Amino acid sequence: CAALGPYIAHIDDIYEDFRSYEVRVPVTALIILGKSYEQ
């Protein structure tokens, strides 16, 4: 993606910042089951 081109040189720093953020912010997940609760 051309819009992200300027950030390529800093991708490692950006990823590390994201990982640091991810550790500090609670993460939630959702599982959707069918009526039989099997799928």
Protein backbone atom coordinates (compact mmCIF):
# COMPACT_ATOMS: atom_id res chain seq x y z
CA CYS A 1 0.00 0.00 0.00
CA ALA A 2 1.57 3.28 -1.11
CA ALA A 3 0.07 5.20 1.82
CA LEU A 4 2.09 3.11 4.28
CA GLY A 5 5.37 3.53 2.39
CA PRO A 6 6.74 6.31 4.63
CA TYR A 7 6.40 4.04 7.67
CA ILE A 8 8.41 1.10 6.32
CA ALA A 9 11.67 2.47 7.71
CA HIS A 10 10.12 2.53 11.20
CA ILE A 11 8.16 -0.72 11.09
CA ASP A 12 10.12 -2.33 13.94
CA ASP A 13 9.48 0.65 16.24
CA ILE A 14 5.81 0.76 15.28
CA TYR A 15 5.41 -2.96 15.95
CA GLU A 16 7.18 -2.68 19.31
CA ASP A 17 4.92 0.23 20.29
CA PHE A 18 1.90 -1.87 19.37
CA ARG A 19 3.12 -4.84 21.41
CA SER A 20 3.71 -2.56 24.39
CA TYR A 21 0.21 -1.10 24.02
CA GLU A 22 -1.35 -4.55 23.65
CA VAL A 23 0.12 -5.64 27.00
CA ARG A 24 -1.34 -2.62 28.83
CA VAL A 25 -4.85 -2.74 27.37
CA PRO A 26 -7.27 -5.53 28.30
CA VAL A 27 -8.03 -7.78 25.37
CA THR A 28 -11.46 -9.34 24.95
CA ALA A 29 -12.66 -12.08 22.65
CA LEU A 30 -16.04 -13.34 21.60
CA ILE A 31 -17.15 -16.76 20.48
CA ILE A 32 -20.48 -17.00 18.70
CA LEU A 33 -22.16 -20.40 18.84
CA GLY A 34 -25.16 -21.75 16.98
CA LYS A 35 -28.35 -22.76 18.83
CA SER A 36 -26.93 -26.26 19.38
CA TYR A 37 -23.76 -24.73 20.94
CA GLU A 38 -21.66 -26.97 18.69
CA GLN A 39 -20.64 -24.54 15.94
